């Protein structure tokens, strides 16, 4: 987690004068740690944390209670349901008006009795492939789509960095050239798809001097 702490401090949206950070997929693991580290900063930055069921996200609710009112907002967002992404964007627009940092951290590798890393081709299932793509590739891109208007505004804010930042959680196993073991078909392919979508966005569409996009491994 030390590496995550360094990353969170480096990518804080509140580089000067406080900003607004959104951590998508924040109920546990990497996302929850990013929230913790961002809140530990003394710059007054505000954090929006999202997850599927905020009511059952005990650690997030505890963090919200430990900090000053308005410092941490917890919103529902399910990357497999675009309407919840749109609703979260509307809520952030109303409450904060802009975003300086977006971290897409939700991801799926295994869920008991639902999806498991495939060790052989015979274990590959369509349902696993589709679920991995939906959560690991499609979801983050849809979040960027709906948060983009807010990021553009954040990119004009007077932060030390001078632009808004989007960070997606990639994985070394997404590399085609570095794949020497095989297996993990659904996870590898979905993360590779996310990387390709990032490249297309950066090269051909919306990112400019107002916003930067990076991948974290």
Protein backbone atom coordinates (compact mmCIF):
# COMPACT_ATOMS: atom_id res chain seq x y z
CA UNK A 1 0.00 0.00 0.00
CA UNK A 2 3.01 2.33 0.34
CA UNK A 3 3.13 2.70 -3.44
CA UNK A 4 -0.54 3.64 -3.47
CA UNK A 5 0.06 6.24 -0.78
CA UNK A 6 2.76 7.88 -2.88
CA UNK A 7 0.52 7.78 -5.94
CA UNK A 8 -2.42 9.28 -4.09
CA UNK A 9 -0.33 12.14 -2.76
CA UNK A 10 1.20 12.79 -6.16
CA UNK A 11 -2.16 12.80 -7.91
CA UNK A 12 -4.07 14.80 -5.31
CA UNK A 13 -6.61 17.10 -6.90
CA UNK A 14 -6.01 19.60 -4.15
CA UNK A 15 -2.45 20.50 -5.16
CA UNK A 16 -3.09 24.11 -4.16
CA UNK A 17 -6.09 25.68 -2.55
CA UNK A 18 -8.10 22.48 -2.47
CA UNK A 19 -9.76 20.66 -5.31
CA UNK A 20 -12.23 17.86 -5.91
CA UNK A 21 -11.15 14.23 -6.36
CA UNK A 22 -13.44 11.41 -7.46
CA UNK A 23 -12.48 7.84 -6.62
CA UNK A 24 -14.69 5.38 -8.47
CA UNK A 25 -14.83 1.90 -6.90
CA UNK A 26 -13.90 3.05 -3.41
CA UNK A 27 -15.54 0.64 -0.98
CA UNK A 28 -12.43 -1.51 -0.48
CA UNK A 29 -8.95 -2.36 -1.69
CA UNK A 30 -7.07 0.09 -3.89
CA UNK A 31 -9.94 2.54 -4.19
CA UNK A 32 -10.49 2.76 -0.43
CA UNK A 33 -6.78 3.35 0.14
CA UNK A 34 -6.75 6.18 -2.39
CA UNK A 35 -9.61 7.79 -0.47
CA UNK A 36 -7.72 7.44 2.82
CA UNK A 37 -4.55 8.99 1.42
CA UNK A 38 -6.35 11.87 -0.26
CA UNK A 39 -8.16 12.68 2.99
CA UNK A 40 -4.89 12.67 4.92
CA UNK A 41 -3.71 15.69 2.98
CA UNK A 42 -3.99 18.97 4.82
CA UNK A 43 -4.85 21.06 1.77
CA UNK A 44 -8.60 21.05 2.26
CA UNK A 45 -9.32 19.06 -0.88
CA UNK A 46 -12.70 17.40 -1.11
CA UNK A 47 -13.17 13.75 -2.04
CA UNK A 48 -16.11 12.03 -3.70
CA UNK A 49 -16.09 8.26 -3.25
CA UNK A 50 -18.43 6.00 -5.20
CA UNK A 51 -19.44 2.37 -4.90
CA UNK A 52 -22.43 0.21 -5.73
CA UNK A 53 -24.00 0.21 -2.26
CA UNK A 54 -22.83 3.07 -0.02
CA UNK A 55 -25.05 1.89 2.81
CA UNK A 56 -22.99 -1.28 3.22
CA UNK A 57 -19.60 0.41 2.73
CA UNK A 58 -18.73 0.57 6.42
CA UNK A 59 -15.16 1.80 6.00
CA UNK A 60 -16.22 4.66 3.73
CA UNK A 61 -18.97 5.73 6.12
CA UNK A 62 -16.47 5.65 8.98
CA UNK A 63 -14.09 7.89 7.05
CA UNK A 64 -16.92 10.29 6.26
CA UNK A 65 -17.77 10.59 9.96
CA UNK A 66 -14.13 11.13 10.93
CA UNK A 67 -13.67 14.18 8.73
CA UNK A 68 -15.22 17.62 8.55
CA UNK A 69 -18.67 17.88 6.96
CA UNK A 70 -18.40 18.04 3.19
CA UNK A 71 -14.82 16.74 3.08
CA UNK A 72 -15.95 13.27 1.93
CA UNK A 73 -19.09 12.57 -0.07
CA UNK A 74 -20.18 8.98 -0.75
CA UNK A 75 -22.37 8.37 -3.81
CA UNK A 76 -23.86 5.26 -5.43
CA UNK A 77 -22.32 4.28 -8.77
CA UNK A 78 -22.39 0.92 -10.53
CA UNK A 79 -20.13 0.78 -13.58
CA UNK A 80 -22.47 -1.78 -15.16
CA UNK A 81 -25.41 0.67 -14.97
CA UNK A 82 -24.83 3.85 -16.98
CA UNK A 83 -27.81 5.59 -15.39
CA UNK A 84 -26.03 5.53 -12.00
CA UNK A 85 -22.91 7.05 -13.59
CA UNK A 86 -25.01 9.83 -15.09
CA UNK A 87 -26.74 10.42 -11.75
CA UNK A 88 -23.42 10.63 -9.92
CA UNK A 89 -22.15 13.18 -12.44
CA UNK A 90 -25.28 15.27 -11.94
CA UNK A 91 -24.85 15.16 -8.16
CA UNK A 92 -21.19 16.22 -8.39
CA UNK A 93 -22.13 19.02 -10.77
CA UNK A 94 -24.70 20.34 -8.33
CA UNK A 95 -22.51 20.01 -5.22
CA UNK A 96 -19.00 20.80 -6.48
CA UNK A 97 -19.27 22.12 -10.03
CA UNK A 98 -16.00 20.60 -11.25
CA UNK A 99 -13.48 17.77 -10.88
CA UNK A 100 -9.70 17.99 -10.68
CA UNK A 101 -8.95 14.28 -10.35
CA UNK A 102 -10.75 11.10 -11.42
CA UNK A 103 -9.43 7.71 -10.35
CA UNK A 104 -11.16 4.71 -11.95
CA UNK A 105 -10.32 1.86 -9.60
CA UNK A 106 -13.22 -0.61 -9.85
CA UNK A 107 -12.14 -3.87 -11.42
CA UNK A 108 -12.90 -7.55 -11.41
CA UNK A 109 -10.64 -10.60 -11.52
CA UNK A 110 -12.60 -13.19 -9.58
CA UNK A 111 -15.89 -13.60 -7.73
CA UNK A 112 -16.68 -16.97 -6.13
CA UNK A 113 -19.18 -18.93 -8.23
CA UNK A 114 -19.32 -16.10 -10.79
CA UNK A 115 -15.95 -15.54 -12.45
CA UNK A 116 -12.52 -17.08 -11.91
CA UNK A 117 -9.16 -16.57 -13.66
CA UNK A 118 -9.04 -19.13 -16.48
CA UNK A 119 -6.04 -21.47 -16.40
CA UNK A 120 -7.00 -23.29 -19.62
CA UNK A 121 -8.97 -22.42 -22.75
CA UNK A 122 -11.61 -24.99 -21.83
CA UNK A 123 -12.54 -22.90 -18.78
CA UNK A 124 -13.28 -19.74 -20.77
CA UNK A 125 -16.96 -18.77 -20.57
CA UNK A 126 -18.83 -16.11 -22.48
CA UNK A 127 -20.43 -14.79 -19.30
CA UNK A 128 -17.02 -14.29 -17.68
CA UNK A 129 -15.64 -12.51 -20.73
CA UNK A 130 -18.62 -10.18 -20.97
CA UNK A 131 -18.64 -9.36 -17.24
CA UNK A 132 -14.90 -8.62 -17.22
CA UNK A 133 -15.24 -6.36 -20.26
CA UNK A 134 -18.22 -4.55 -18.74
CA UNK A 135 -16.49 -3.84 -15.43
CA UNK A 136 -12.85 -3.45 -16.45
CA UNK A 137 -13.14 -1.72 -19.83
CA UNK A 138 -16.60 -0.38 -20.61
CA UNK A 139 -17.33 0.99 -17.13
CA UNK A 140 -14.26 3.24 -16.78
CA UNK A 141 -14.78 4.69 -20.26
CA UNK A 142 -18.41 5.52 -19.47
CA UNK A 143 -17.31 7.19 -16.24
CA UNK A 144 -14.86 9.36 -18.19
CA UNK A 145 -17.61 10.15 -20.70
CA UNK A 146 -20.00 11.49 -18.06
CA UNK A 147 -17.34 13.20 -15.90
CA UNK A 148 -15.58 14.88 -18.83
CA UNK A 149 -17.56 18.18 -18.64
CA UNK A 150 -16.58 18.45 -14.97
CA UNK A 151 -12.93 17.65 -15.70
CA UNK A 152 -12.77 20.35 -18.36
CA UNK A 153 -13.86 22.91 -15.78
CA UNK A 154 -11.36 21.52 -13.25
CA UNK A 155 -8.63 21.80 -15.86
CA UNK A 156 -9.13 25.55 -15.88
CA UNK A 157 -8.80 25.87 -12.10
CA UNK A 158 -5.78 27.47 -10.45
CA UNK A 159 -4.09 24.27 -9.27
CA UNK A 160 -0.36 23.85 -9.03
CA UNK A 161 -0.52 21.11 -11.62
CA UNK A 162 -2.50 23.30 -14.01
CA UNK A 163 -4.72 20.59 -15.47
CA UNK A 164 -7.22 17.93 -14.43
CA UNK A 165 -6.09 14.31 -14.27
CA UNK A 166 -7.72 10.96 -15.05
CA UNK A 167 -6.03 7.82 -13.69
CA UNK A 168 -7.20 4.37 -14.75
CA UNK A 169 -6.09 1.17 -13.03
CA UNK A 170 -4.40 -0.94 -15.66
CA UNK A 171 -2.34 -4.10 -15.11
CA UNK A 172 0.94 -5.48 -16.34
CA UNK A 173 -0.90 -8.60 -17.50
CA UNK A 174 -2.68 -6.43 -20.07
CA UNK A 175 0.54 -6.25 -22.09
CA UNK A 176 0.53 -8.48 -25.17
CA UNK A 177 4.30 -8.35 -25.48
CA UNK A 178 4.81 -9.25 -21.82
CA UNK A 179 2.40 -12.20 -21.83
CA UNK A 180 4.66 -15.21 -21.38
CA UNK A 181 2.33 -17.40 -19.32
CA UNK A 182 -1.13 -17.20 -20.93
CA UNK A 183 -4.31 -17.81 -18.99
CA UNK A 184 -6.48 -15.20 -17.28
CA UNK A 185 -8.18 -14.67 -20.63
CA UNK A 186 -11.07 -12.45 -19.50
CA UNK A 187 -9.01 -10.23 -17.19
CA UNK A 188 -6.08 -9.81 -19.58
CA UNK A 189 -8.30 -9.04 -22.57
CA UNK A 190 -10.49 -6.56 -20.68
CA UNK A 191 -7.52 -4.60 -19.34
CA UNK A 192 -5.95 -4.57 -22.81
CA UNK A 193 -9.25 -3.20 -24.16
CA UNK A 194 -9.17 -0.44 -21.54
CA UNK A 195 -5.65 0.53 -22.62
CA UNK A 196 -6.72 0.70 -26.26
CA UNK A 197 -9.71 2.89 -25.41
CA UNK A 198 -7.43 5.21 -23.44
CA UNK A 199 -5.13 5.53 -26.43
CA UNK A 200 -8.03 6.36 -28.73
CA UNK A 201 -9.35 9.01 -26.35
CA UNK A 202 -5.97 10.67 -25.97
CA UNK A 203 -5.09 10.62 -29.66
CA UNK A 204 -8.37 11.37 -31.36
CA UNK A 205 -10.95 12.85 -29.07
CA UNK A 206 -11.22 14.91 -25.96
CA UNK A 207 -7.95 15.21 -24.06
CA UNK A 208 -5.94 18.40 -24.49
CA UNK A 209 -4.07 20.87 -22.33
CA UNK A 210 -6.96 20.94 -19.86
CA UNK A 211 -6.80 17.27 -18.89
CA UNK A 212 -4.29 14.40 -18.85
CA UNK A 213 -4.94 10.65 -18.78
CA UNK A 214 -2.58 8.09 -17.24
CA UNK A 215 -2.59 4.37 -16.42
CA UNK A 216 -1.52 2.98 -13.04
CA UNK A 217 -0.33 -0.59 -12.56
